[in-house]
Amino acid sequence: MSDPADLQVFLRLAWQRLGRGVADRRAAARNITFATVSPEGLPEVRTVVLRAASQEDATLEVHTDPHTAKIAALRATPYAELQVWDPSPRLQIRARARVEIVTGPKADARWQKVPDPARQSYGTQPTPGTAIDGPFDYEKPGLRDGFAVLICHLEHIDLVELQERHRRAVFVARDGWAGRWVSP
C-alpha cells in the first residue's frame, strides 16, 4: 500500500486516471467538464472528450470545432478550468490551464488520427450555435476546416479524495509540481 502522505503518489494517481480517460471510453476521465469565460465575462461550461494527457508536458488535449463559442471565449481569455469526478477512487481533479488553439496545417497530424466516424463531430453546418428552424436542420459533413485542437498547458492542479478521511492537495507548475496539502 502506498503512503497516503506522499504528495507525488497522490499526483501520479490523478495522472493515471487522466491517462485512463484517454485510453478507455468508459473511464470517468473520458468526458471532462471544461469551463471558460465568455467574451462578455460570463461563465460557460460544457463537456468535452479528453484526447491526450501528458504528465511530462503537463498538458491535456481536447478537440473541437473552431466555430464554437468555446473558441471565441478562449480567444478573449485563453484560460480554462477542467474538472473530472472519478467515482472509483472518489477523486475530484480540477486543473487550470492556459489554452493554445491549434488549427490549419498545424493540426493536420492530429486530424489524420481521427477515425472516420468521429470526424462527423467537426464542421457542423450551419456553425454551432446558429439558430435553426427544427431540431435536425443541420448537417455534420466532417470537414477538416471544422477541426481544432485545444492544448491545455496546466498551471494548477487541485486534487480532492473523498475517503473515510478526506485529503486535498494543490500542485502548481511554477514550483515544479512539488505540491502542498490543504484542508479539504
N, C-alpha and C. Protein backbone atom coordinates (compact mmCIF):
# COMPACT_ATOMS: atom_id res chain seq x y z
N MET A 1 0.85 -1.19 0.00
CA MET A 1 0.00 0.00 0.00
C MET A 1 0.89 1.24 0.00
N SER A 2 0.51 2.24 -0.79
CA SER A 2 1.31 3.46 -0.88
C SER A 2 1.05 4.37 0.31
N ASP A 3 1.99 5.24 0.56
CA ASP A 3 1.93 6.18 1.68
C ASP A 3 0.91 7.28 1.36
N PRO A 4 -0.19 7.39 2.14
CA PRO A 4 -1.20 8.41 1.86
C PRO A 4 -0.70 9.83 2.09
N ALA A 5 0.47 9.98 2.69
CA ALA A 5 1.03 11.31 2.92
C ALA A 5 2.02 11.72 1.84
N ASP A 6 2.22 10.87 0.84
CA ASP A 6 3.18 11.16 -0.23
C ASP A 6 2.48 11.96 -1.33
N LEU A 7 2.83 13.23 -1.43
CA LEU A 7 2.20 14.11 -2.42
C LEU A 7 2.40 13.63 -3.85
N GLN A 8 3.58 13.15 -4.18
CA GLN A 8 3.85 12.73 -5.56
C GLN A 8 3.07 11.47 -5.95
N VAL A 9 2.82 10.59 -5.00
CA VAL A 9 1.98 9.41 -5.26
C VAL A 9 0.55 9.87 -5.55
N PHE A 10 0.09 10.86 -4.79
CA PHE A 10 -1.25 11.40 -5.00
C PHE A 10 -1.37 12.04 -6.39
N LEU A 11 -0.36 12.80 -6.79
CA LEU A 11 -0.36 13.42 -8.11
C LEU A 11 -0.31 12.35 -9.21
N ARG A 12 0.48 11.31 -9.02
CA ARG A 12 0.55 10.23 -10.03
C ARG A 12 -0.81 9.53 -10.18
N LEU A 13 -1.56 9.40 -9.08
CA LEU A 13 -2.90 8.81 -9.15
C LEU A 13 -3.77 9.63 -10.09
N ALA A 14 -3.71 10.95 -9.98
CA ALA A 14 -4.51 11.81 -10.86
C ALA A 14 -4.11 11.61 -12.32
N TRP A 15 -2.81 11.60 -12.60
CA TRP A 15 -2.35 11.42 -13.98
C TRP A 15 -2.70 10.03 -14.50
N GLN A 16 -2.67 9.04 -13.63
CA GLN A 16 -3.07 7.69 -14.04
C GLN A 16 -4.54 7.68 -14.46
N ARG A 17 -5.39 8.34 -13.69
CA ARG A 17 -6.82 8.39 -14.00
C ARG A 17 -7.06 9.17 -15.30
N LEU A 18 -6.31 10.26 -15.51
CA LEU A 18 -6.44 11.02 -16.75
C LEU A 18 -5.99 10.18 -17.95
N GLY A 19 -4.88 9.47 -17.80
CA GLY A 19 -4.41 8.59 -18.87
C GLY A 19 -5.43 7.51 -19.21
N ARG A 20 -6.08 7.01 -18.19
CA ARG A 20 -7.12 6.00 -18.43
C ARG A 20 -8.29 6.60 -19.21
N GLY A 21 -8.59 7.87 -18.93
CA GLY A 21 -9.65 8.56 -19.67
C GLY A 21 -9.36 8.66 -21.15
N VAL A 22 -8.10 8.80 -21.50
CA VAL A 22 -7.71 8.86 -22.91
C VAL A 22 -7.86 7.48 -23.55
N ALA A 23 -7.45 6.44 -22.84
CA ALA A 23 -7.38 5.10 -23.40
C ALA A 23 -8.70 4.33 -23.36
N ASP A 24 -9.58 4.65 -22.41
CA ASP A 24 -10.79 3.85 -22.19
C ASP A 24 -12.02 4.74 -22.26
N ARG A 25 -12.84 4.55 -23.28
CA ARG A 25 -14.01 5.41 -23.45
C ARG A 25 -15.02 5.28 -22.32
N ARG A 26 -14.92 4.25 -21.48
CA ARG A 26 -15.83 4.10 -20.35
C ARG A 26 -15.28 4.70 -19.06
N ALA A 27 -14.04 5.17 -19.09
CA ALA A 27 -13.42 5.73 -17.89
C ALA A 27 -14.05 7.08 -17.54
N ALA A 28 -14.09 7.38 -16.26
CA ALA A 28 -14.69 8.63 -15.79
C ALA A 28 -14.00 9.86 -16.37
N ALA A 29 -12.70 9.78 -16.57
CA ALA A 29 -11.95 10.93 -17.08
C ALA A 29 -12.06 11.10 -18.58
N ARG A 30 -12.84 10.31 -19.25
CA ARG A 30 -13.00 10.44 -20.71
C ARG A 30 -13.76 11.71 -21.07
N ASN A 31 -14.88 11.93 -20.39
CA ASN A 31 -15.73 13.09 -20.63
C ASN A 31 -15.54 14.07 -19.47
N ILE A 32 -14.85 15.16 -19.75
CA ILE A 32 -14.49 16.09 -18.69
C ILE A 32 -15.26 17.40 -18.83
N THR A 33 -15.41 18.06 -17.72
CA THR A 33 -16.06 19.36 -17.71
C THR A 33 -15.02 20.41 -18.05
N PHE A 34 -15.39 21.32 -18.96
CA PHE A 34 -14.46 22.33 -19.49
C PHE A 34 -15.13 23.68 -19.33
N ALA A 35 -14.56 24.53 -18.49
CA ALA A 35 -15.15 25.83 -18.20
C ALA A 35 -14.28 26.96 -18.75
N THR A 36 -14.96 27.95 -19.33
CA THR A 36 -14.29 29.13 -19.87
C THR A 36 -15.07 30.37 -19.41
N VAL A 37 -14.56 31.53 -19.80
CA VAL A 37 -15.23 32.79 -19.55
C VAL A 37 -15.59 33.38 -20.91
N SER A 38 -16.87 33.71 -21.11
CA SER A 38 -17.31 34.25 -22.40
C SER A 38 -16.67 35.61 -22.66
N PRO A 39 -16.67 36.08 -23.90
CA PRO A 39 -16.16 37.42 -24.18
C PRO A 39 -16.88 38.51 -23.38
N GLU A 40 -18.11 38.21 -22.93
CA GLU A 40 -18.86 39.16 -22.10
C GLU A 40 -18.53 39.04 -20.61
N GLY A 41 -17.64 38.10 -20.27
CA GLY A 41 -17.24 37.92 -18.87
C GLY A 41 -18.10 36.97 -18.08
N LEU A 42 -18.93 36.18 -18.75
CA LEU A 42 -19.83 35.24 -18.07
C LEU A 42 -19.25 33.83 -18.09
N PRO A 43 -19.54 33.03 -17.06
CA PRO A 43 -19.04 31.65 -17.05
C PRO A 43 -19.75 30.80 -18.09
N GLU A 44 -18.99 29.89 -18.71
CA GLU A 44 -19.55 28.92 -19.65
C GLU A 44 -18.93 27.56 -19.31
N VAL A 45 -19.74 26.53 -19.34
CA VAL A 45 -19.24 25.20 -19.03
C VAL A 45 -19.87 24.20 -19.99
N ARG A 46 -19.08 23.20 -20.36
CA ARG A 46 -19.58 22.16 -21.25
C ARG A 46 -18.74 20.90 -21.01
N THR A 47 -19.19 19.79 -21.60
CA THR A 47 -18.45 18.54 -21.51
C THR A 47 -17.70 18.33 -22.81
N VAL A 48 -16.43 17.92 -22.69
CA VAL A 48 -15.59 17.63 -23.85
C VAL A 48 -14.95 16.26 -23.64
N VAL A 49 -14.42 15.71 -24.71
CA VAL A 49 -13.77 14.40 -24.65
C VAL A 49 -12.26 14.61 -24.52
N LEU A 50 -11.67 13.99 -23.52
CA LEU A 50 -10.22 14.06 -23.32
C LEU A 50 -9.55 13.18 -24.38
N ARG A 51 -8.64 13.77 -25.17
CA ARG A 51 -7.99 13.06 -26.26
C ARG A 51 -6.53 12.73 -25.99
N ALA A 52 -5.88 13.48 -25.10
CA ALA A 52 -4.48 13.19 -24.76
C ALA A 52 -4.19 13.77 -23.38
N ALA A 53 -3.26 13.13 -22.68
CA ALA A 53 -2.82 13.60 -21.37
C ALA A 53 -1.34 13.27 -21.24
N SER A 54 -0.54 14.27 -20.91
CA SER A 54 0.90 14.07 -20.75
C SER A 54 1.37 14.69 -19.45
N GLN A 55 1.74 13.83 -18.50
CA GLN A 55 2.28 14.35 -17.25
C GLN A 55 3.62 15.04 -17.51
N GLU A 56 4.43 14.46 -18.39
CA GLU A 56 5.75 15.02 -18.70
C GLU A 56 5.64 16.46 -19.21
N ASP A 57 4.68 16.70 -20.10
CA ASP A 57 4.49 18.05 -20.66
C ASP A 57 3.49 18.88 -19.87
N ALA A 58 2.82 18.26 -18.90
CA ALA A 58 1.76 18.91 -18.12
C ALA A 58 0.69 19.48 -19.05
N THR A 59 0.21 18.62 -19.97
CA THR A 59 -0.82 19.06 -20.91
C THR A 59 -1.97 18.06 -20.97
N LEU A 60 -3.14 18.60 -21.26
CA LEU A 60 -4.31 17.82 -21.61
C LEU A 60 -4.76 18.34 -22.98
N GLU A 61 -5.37 17.47 -23.77
CA GLU A 61 -5.77 17.87 -25.12
C GLU A 61 -7.21 17.46 -25.38
N VAL A 62 -7.96 18.39 -25.98
CA VAL A 62 -9.30 18.10 -26.44
C VAL A 62 -9.42 18.62 -27.87
N HIS A 63 -10.41 18.12 -28.59
CA HIS A 63 -10.65 18.55 -29.96
C HIS A 63 -12.01 19.22 -30.01
N THR A 64 -12.17 20.15 -30.94
CA THR A 64 -13.42 20.89 -31.06
C THR A 64 -13.58 21.44 -32.46
N ASP A 65 -14.73 21.99 -32.72
CA ASP A 65 -15.00 22.73 -33.95
C ASP A 65 -14.52 24.17 -33.70
N PRO A 66 -13.74 24.75 -34.59
CA PRO A 66 -13.21 26.11 -34.35
C PRO A 66 -14.27 27.20 -34.40
N HIS A 67 -15.50 26.85 -34.74
CA HIS A 67 -16.57 27.84 -34.82
C HIS A 67 -17.45 27.85 -33.58
N THR A 68 -17.05 27.13 -32.53
CA THR A 68 -17.85 27.05 -31.31
C THR A 68 -17.64 28.26 -30.41
N ALA A 69 -18.56 28.42 -29.47
CA ALA A 69 -18.46 29.52 -28.50
C ALA A 69 -17.21 29.38 -27.63
N LYS A 70 -16.76 28.15 -27.38
CA LYS A 70 -15.58 28.00 -26.54
C LYS A 70 -14.34 28.59 -27.19
N ILE A 71 -14.27 28.55 -28.51
CA ILE A 71 -13.13 29.16 -29.22
C ILE A 71 -13.18 30.68 -29.06
N ALA A 72 -14.35 31.28 -29.23
CA ALA A 72 -14.48 32.73 -29.03
C ALA A 72 -14.10 33.10 -27.61
N ALA A 73 -14.54 32.30 -26.64
CA ALA A 73 -14.20 32.56 -25.24
C ALA A 73 -12.69 32.47 -25.02
N LEU A 74 -12.06 31.45 -25.60
CA LEU A 74 -10.62 31.27 -25.41
C LEU A 74 -9.81 32.33 -26.14
N ARG A 75 -10.32 32.85 -27.24
CA ARG A 75 -9.61 33.95 -27.91
C ARG A 75 -9.64 35.21 -27.04
N ALA A 76 -10.74 35.42 -26.32
CA ALA A 76 -10.85 36.58 -25.43
C ALA A 76 -10.06 36.38 -24.14
N THR A 77 -10.15 35.19 -23.56
CA THR A 77 -9.45 34.84 -22.32
C THR A 77 -8.91 33.43 -22.49
N PRO A 78 -7.60 33.28 -22.75
CA PRO A 78 -7.06 31.97 -23.12
C PRO A 78 -6.81 31.01 -21.94
N TYR A 79 -7.76 30.95 -21.03
CA TYR A 79 -7.65 30.06 -19.88
C TYR A 79 -8.91 29.24 -19.73
N ALA A 80 -8.76 28.04 -19.18
CA ALA A 80 -9.90 27.17 -18.91
C ALA A 80 -9.65 26.44 -17.60
N GLU A 81 -10.72 25.98 -17.02
CA GLU A 81 -10.66 25.09 -15.86
C GLU A 81 -11.28 23.78 -16.32
N LEU A 82 -10.60 22.67 -16.05
CA LEU A 82 -11.09 21.35 -16.43
C LEU A 82 -11.35 20.58 -15.14
N GLN A 83 -12.43 19.80 -15.14
CA GLN A 83 -12.80 19.09 -13.92
C GLN A 83 -13.23 17.66 -14.25
N VAL A 84 -12.77 16.73 -13.42
CA VAL A 84 -13.14 15.31 -13.53
C VAL A 84 -13.61 14.84 -12.17
N TRP A 85 -14.70 14.10 -12.14
CA TRP A 85 -15.08 13.37 -10.94
C TRP A 85 -14.96 11.89 -11.27
N ASP A 86 -14.06 11.21 -10.58
CA ASP A 86 -13.83 9.79 -10.81
C ASP A 86 -14.36 9.03 -9.60
N PRO A 87 -15.51 8.35 -9.73
CA PRO A 87 -16.13 7.73 -8.56
C PRO A 87 -15.38 6.54 -7.98
N SER A 88 -14.58 5.85 -8.80
CA SER A 88 -13.90 4.66 -8.30
C SER A 88 -12.93 4.99 -7.16
N PRO A 89 -12.00 5.93 -7.33
CA PRO A 89 -11.18 6.30 -6.19
C PRO A 89 -11.79 7.47 -5.39
N ARG A 90 -13.01 7.92 -5.81
CA ARG A 90 -13.68 9.07 -5.19
C ARG A 90 -12.76 10.29 -5.24
N LEU A 91 -12.29 10.57 -6.46
CA LEU A 91 -11.29 11.61 -6.68
C LEU A 91 -11.83 12.70 -7.59
N GLN A 92 -11.73 13.94 -7.13
CA GLN A 92 -12.03 15.10 -7.98
C GLN A 92 -10.71 15.71 -8.43
N ILE A 93 -10.59 15.91 -9.73
CA ILE A 93 -9.40 16.54 -10.31
C ILE A 93 -9.87 17.85 -10.93
N ARG A 94 -9.28 18.95 -10.48
CA ARG A 94 -9.53 20.24 -11.12
C ARG A 94 -8.19 20.76 -11.61
N ALA A 95 -8.16 21.23 -12.85
CA ALA A 95 -6.91 21.72 -13.42
C ALA A 95 -7.16 23.04 -14.14
N ARG A 96 -6.35 24.04 -13.83
CA ARG A 96 -6.41 25.32 -14.52
C ARG A 96 -5.33 25.33 -15.58
N ALA A 97 -5.67 25.83 -16.78
CA ALA A 97 -4.74 25.75 -17.90
C ALA A 97 -4.80 26.99 -18.78
N ARG A 98 -3.65 27.31 -19.33
CA ARG A 98 -3.58 28.27 -20.44
C ARG A 98 -3.80 27.43 -21.69
N VAL A 99 -4.71 27.86 -22.55
CA VAL A 99 -5.12 27.02 -23.67
C VAL A 99 -4.58 27.58 -24.98
N GLU A 100 -3.91 26.71 -25.71
CA GLU A 100 -3.38 27.02 -27.04
C GLU A 100 -4.35 26.43 -28.07
N ILE A 101 -4.80 27.25 -29.00
CA ILE A 101 -5.70 26.80 -30.06
C ILE A 101 -4.87 26.47 -31.29
N VAL A 102 -4.97 25.23 -31.76
CA VAL A 102 -4.20 24.78 -32.93
C VAL A 102 -5.19 24.46 -34.05
N THR A 103 -5.01 25.12 -35.19
CA THR A 103 -5.88 24.90 -36.35
C THR A 103 -5.01 24.82 -37.61
N GLY A 104 -5.67 24.60 -38.75
CA GLY A 104 -4.97 24.60 -40.03
C GLY A 104 -3.93 23.51 -40.13
N PRO A 105 -2.86 23.77 -40.90
CA PRO A 105 -1.84 22.74 -41.14
C PRO A 105 -1.18 22.21 -39.86
N LYS A 106 -1.13 23.03 -38.81
CA LYS A 106 -0.52 22.56 -37.55
C LYS A 106 -1.34 21.46 -36.89
N ALA A 107 -2.61 21.35 -37.25
CA ALA A 107 -3.49 20.32 -36.67
C ALA A 107 -3.62 19.10 -37.59
N ASP A 108 -2.99 19.13 -38.75
CA ASP A 108 -3.16 18.05 -39.73
C ASP A 108 -2.79 16.66 -39.19
N ALA A 109 -1.70 16.56 -38.48
CA ALA A 109 -1.27 15.24 -37.97
C ALA A 109 -2.32 14.66 -37.03
N ARG A 110 -2.92 15.50 -36.21
CA ARG A 110 -3.96 15.01 -35.29
C ARG A 110 -5.23 14.65 -36.06
N TRP A 111 -5.58 15.45 -37.06
CA TRP A 111 -6.76 15.16 -37.88
C TRP A 111 -6.64 13.79 -38.53
N GLN A 112 -5.45 13.45 -39.00
CA GLN A 112 -5.24 12.16 -39.66
C GLN A 112 -5.52 10.99 -38.72
N LYS A 113 -5.39 11.20 -37.42
CA LYS A 113 -5.62 10.13 -36.44
C LYS A 113 -7.08 10.03 -36.00
N VAL A 114 -7.92 10.98 -36.40
CA VAL A 114 -9.33 10.95 -36.01
C VAL A 114 -10.04 9.92 -36.89
N PRO A 115 -10.66 8.90 -36.28
CA PRO A 115 -11.35 7.87 -37.09
C PRO A 115 -12.50 8.49 -37.89
N ASP A 116 -12.80 7.92 -39.04
CA ASP A 116 -13.84 8.46 -39.91
C ASP A 116 -15.16 8.72 -39.19
N PRO A 117 -15.69 7.77 -38.41
CA PRO A 117 -16.97 8.07 -37.75
C PRO A 117 -16.89 9.28 -36.81
N ALA A 118 -15.77 9.47 -36.14
CA ALA A 118 -15.61 10.59 -35.21
C ALA A 118 -15.47 11.92 -35.93
N ARG A 119 -15.06 11.90 -37.18
CA ARG A 119 -14.90 13.15 -37.95
C ARG A 119 -16.24 13.87 -38.13
N GLN A 120 -17.33 13.14 -38.00
CA GLN A 120 -18.65 13.76 -38.13
C GLN A 120 -18.91 14.82 -37.06
N SER A 121 -18.11 14.84 -36.02
CA SER A 121 -18.28 15.83 -34.95
C SER A 121 -17.75 17.20 -35.32
N TYR A 122 -17.08 17.31 -36.45
CA TYR A 122 -16.40 18.56 -36.81
C TYR A 122 -16.95 19.13 -38.11
N GLY A 123 -17.13 20.43 -38.13
CA GLY A 123 -17.59 21.11 -39.34
C GLY A 123 -19.10 21.19 -39.47
N THR A 124 -19.82 21.22 -38.35
CA THR A 124 -21.28 21.32 -38.39
C THR A 124 -21.70 22.54 -39.22
N GLN A 125 -22.75 22.33 -40.06
CA GLN A 125 -23.28 23.42 -40.88
C GLN A 125 -24.78 23.53 -40.65
N PRO A 126 -25.32 24.67 -40.33
CA PRO A 126 -24.59 25.90 -40.07
C PRO A 126 -23.74 25.76 -38.80
N THR A 127 -22.88 26.73 -38.57
CA THR A 127 -21.93 26.64 -37.46
C THR A 127 -22.64 26.47 -36.12
N PRO A 128 -22.00 25.80 -35.16
CA PRO A 128 -22.61 25.57 -33.86
C PRO A 128 -23.10 26.87 -33.21
N GLY A 129 -24.31 26.80 -32.67
CA GLY A 129 -24.92 27.94 -32.01
C GLY A 129 -25.81 28.78 -32.90
N THR A 130 -25.80 28.51 -34.21
CA THR A 130 -26.65 29.24 -35.15
C THR A 130 -28.10 28.79 -34.97
N ALA A 131 -29.04 29.74 -34.96
CA ALA A 131 -30.46 29.40 -34.86
C ALA A 131 -30.89 28.61 -36.09
N ILE A 132 -31.70 27.55 -35.86
CA ILE A 132 -32.23 26.72 -36.96
C ILE A 132 -33.74 26.55 -36.74
N ASP A 133 -34.46 26.19 -37.80
CA ASP A 133 -35.92 26.08 -37.72
C ASP A 133 -36.39 24.84 -36.98
N GLY A 134 -35.68 23.73 -37.13
CA GLY A 134 -36.10 22.49 -36.49
C GLY A 134 -34.90 21.81 -35.84
N PRO A 135 -35.14 20.81 -35.00
CA PRO A 135 -34.06 20.19 -34.24
C PRO A 135 -33.00 19.50 -35.10
N PHE A 136 -33.34 19.15 -36.33
CA PHE A 136 -32.40 18.42 -37.18
C PHE A 136 -32.06 19.17 -38.47
N ASP A 137 -32.22 20.48 -38.45
CA ASP A 137 -31.93 21.29 -39.62
C ASP A 137 -30.46 21.71 -39.65
N TYR A 138 -29.59 20.73 -39.66
CA TYR A 138 -28.15 20.95 -39.74
C TYR A 138 -27.52 19.73 -40.39
N GLU A 139 -26.28 19.89 -40.82
CA GLU A 139 -25.52 18.79 -41.41
C GLU A 139 -24.21 18.65 -40.64
N LYS A 140 -23.69 17.44 -40.61
CA LYS A 140 -22.40 17.16 -39.97
C LYS A 140 -21.50 16.48 -41.01
N PRO A 141 -20.93 17.26 -41.92
CA PRO A 141 -20.17 16.68 -43.03
C PRO A 141 -18.76 16.21 -42.68
N GLY A 142 -18.28 16.46 -41.47
CA GLY A 142 -16.94 16.02 -41.10
C GLY A 142 -15.86 16.74 -41.88
N LEU A 143 -15.88 18.04 -41.85
CA LEU A 143 -14.94 18.84 -42.63
C LEU A 143 -13.63 19.09 -41.88
N ARG A 144 -12.53 18.98 -42.57
CA ARG A 144 -11.21 19.25 -41.99
C ARG A 144 -11.13 20.67 -41.45
N ASP A 145 -11.75 21.64 -42.14
CA ASP A 145 -11.73 23.03 -41.67
C ASP A 145 -12.54 23.23 -40.39
N GLY A 146 -13.31 22.22 -40.03
CA GLY A 146 -14.11 22.28 -38.82
C GLY A 146 -13.44 21.60 -37.64
N PHE A 147 -12.12 21.50 -37.65
CA PHE A 147 -11.37 20.77 -36.62
C PHE A 147 -10.32 21.67 -35.99
N ALA A 148 -10.33 21.70 -34.66
CA ALA A 148 -9.31 22.44 -33.91
C ALA A 148 -8.87 21.59 -32.72
N VAL A 149 -7.64 21.79 -32.32
CA VAL A 149 -7.07 21.12 -31.17
C VAL A 149 -6.87 22.15 -30.08
N LEU A 150 -7.29 21.83 -28.88
CA LEU A 150 -7.04 22.69 -27.73
C LEU A 150 -6.01 22.00 -26.85
N ILE A 151 -4.82 22.59 -26.80
CA ILE A 151 -3.77 22.05 -25.94
C ILE A 151 -3.80 22.87 -24.65
N CYS A 152 -4.12 22.18 -23.58
CA CYS A 152 -4.29 22.83 -22.27
C CYS A 152 -2.98 22.66 -21.49
N HIS A 153 -2.25 23.77 -21.38
CA HIS A 153 -0.98 23.78 -20.65
C HIS A 153 -1.30 24.03 -19.18
N LEU A 154 -1.22 22.96 -18.38
CA LEU A 154 -1.65 23.06 -16.99
C LEU A 154 -0.73 23.95 -16.18
N GLU A 155 -1.35 24.75 -15.32
CA GLU A 155 -0.62 25.64 -14.42
C GLU A 155 -0.92 25.33 -12.96
N HIS A 156 -2.06 24.67 -12.70
CA HIS A 156 -2.51 24.46 -11.33
C HIS A 156 -3.40 23.22 -11.30
N ILE A 157 -3.15 22.31 -10.36
CA ILE A 157 -3.99 21.12 -10.18
C ILE A 157 -4.42 21.06 -8.73
N ASP A 158 -5.72 20.84 -8.52
CA ASP A 158 -6.29 20.72 -7.18
C ASP A 158 -6.95 19.35 -7.10
N LEU A 159 -6.48 18.50 -6.20
CA LEU A 159 -7.00 17.14 -6.05
C LEU A 159 -7.71 17.00 -4.71
N VAL A 160 -8.89 16.40 -4.74
CA VAL A 160 -9.63 16.10 -3.51
C VAL A 160 -10.06 14.64 -3.59
N GLU A 161 -9.69 13.89 -2.56
CA GLU A 161 -10.10 12.49 -2.46
C GLU A 161 -11.05 12.36 -1.29
N LEU A 162 -12.24 11.82 -1.56
CA LEU A 162 -13.27 11.70 -0.54
C LEU A 162 -13.36 10.26 -0.04
N GLN A 163 -12.48 9.93 0.88
CA GLN A 163 -12.48 8.62 1.54
C GLN A 163 -12.96 8.82 2.98
N GLU A 164 -12.74 7.82 3.84
CA GLU A 164 -13.14 7.97 5.24
C GLU A 164 -12.52 9.24 5.83
N ARG A 165 -11.25 9.44 5.53
CA ARG A 165 -10.57 10.70 5.87
C ARG A 165 -10.26 11.38 4.55
N HIS A 166 -10.89 12.52 4.29
CA HIS A 166 -10.65 13.26 3.05
C HIS A 166 -9.22 13.77 3.03
N ARG A 167 -8.69 13.92 1.83
CA ARG A 167 -7.40 14.60 1.68
C ARG A 167 -7.45 15.46 0.42
N ARG A 168 -6.71 16.56 0.50
CA ARG A 168 -6.69 17.51 -0.60
C ARG A 168 -5.28 18.08 -0.74
N ALA A 169 -4.86 18.23 -1.99
CA ALA A 169 -3.55 18.82 -2.26
C ALA A 169 -3.64 19.71 -3.49
N VAL A 170 -2.76 20.70 -3.50
CA VAL A 170 -2.67 21.64 -4.62
C VAL A 170 -1.26 21.54 -5.18
N PHE A 171 -1.17 21.49 -6.51
CA PHE A 171 0.11 21.39 -7.22
C PHE A 171 0.17 22.55 -8.22
N VAL A 172 1.32 23.21 -8.29
CA VAL A 172 1.47 24.39 -9.15
C VAL A 172 2.70 24.21 -10.04
N ALA A 173 2.54 24.51 -11.31
CA ALA A 173 3.64 24.34 -12.27
C ALA A 173 4.86 25.15 -11.87
N ARG A 174 4.66 26.39 -11.44
CA ARG A 174 5.80 27.27 -11.17
C ARG A 174 6.69 26.78 -10.02
N ASP A 175 6.20 25.85 -9.19
CA ASP A 175 7.07 25.28 -8.15
C ASP A 175 7.47 23.85 -8.48
N GLY A 176 7.40 23.50 -9.78
CA GLY A 176 7.83 22.17 -10.20
C GLY A 176 6.90 21.05 -9.79
N TRP A 177 5.63 21.38 -9.54
CA TRP A 177 4.61 20.40 -9.16
C TRP A 177 4.92 19.71 -7.84
N ALA A 178 5.65 20.40 -6.95
CA ALA A 178 6.00 19.81 -5.64
C ALA A 178 4.76 19.49 -4.82
N GLY A 179 3.80 20.38 -4.84
CA GLY A 179 2.54 20.15 -4.13
C GLY A 179 2.59 20.55 -2.67
N ARG A 180 1.39 20.78 -2.15
CA ARG A 180 1.23 21.04 -0.72
C ARG A 180 -0.15 20.56 -0.30
N TRP A 181 -0.24 20.08 0.92
CA TRP A 181 -1.53 19.65 1.46
C TRP A 181 -2.32 20.88 1.86
N VAL A 182 -3.61 20.86 1.60
CA VAL A 182 -4.51 21.92 2.06
C VAL A 182 -5.72 21.26 2.70
N SER A 183 -6.39 21.97 3.55
CA SER A 183 -7.55 21.44 4.22
C SER A 183 -8.67 21.16 3.22
N PRO A 184 -9.26 19.97 3.32
CA PRO A 184 -10.36 19.67 2.39
C PRO A 184 -11.60 20.39 2.83
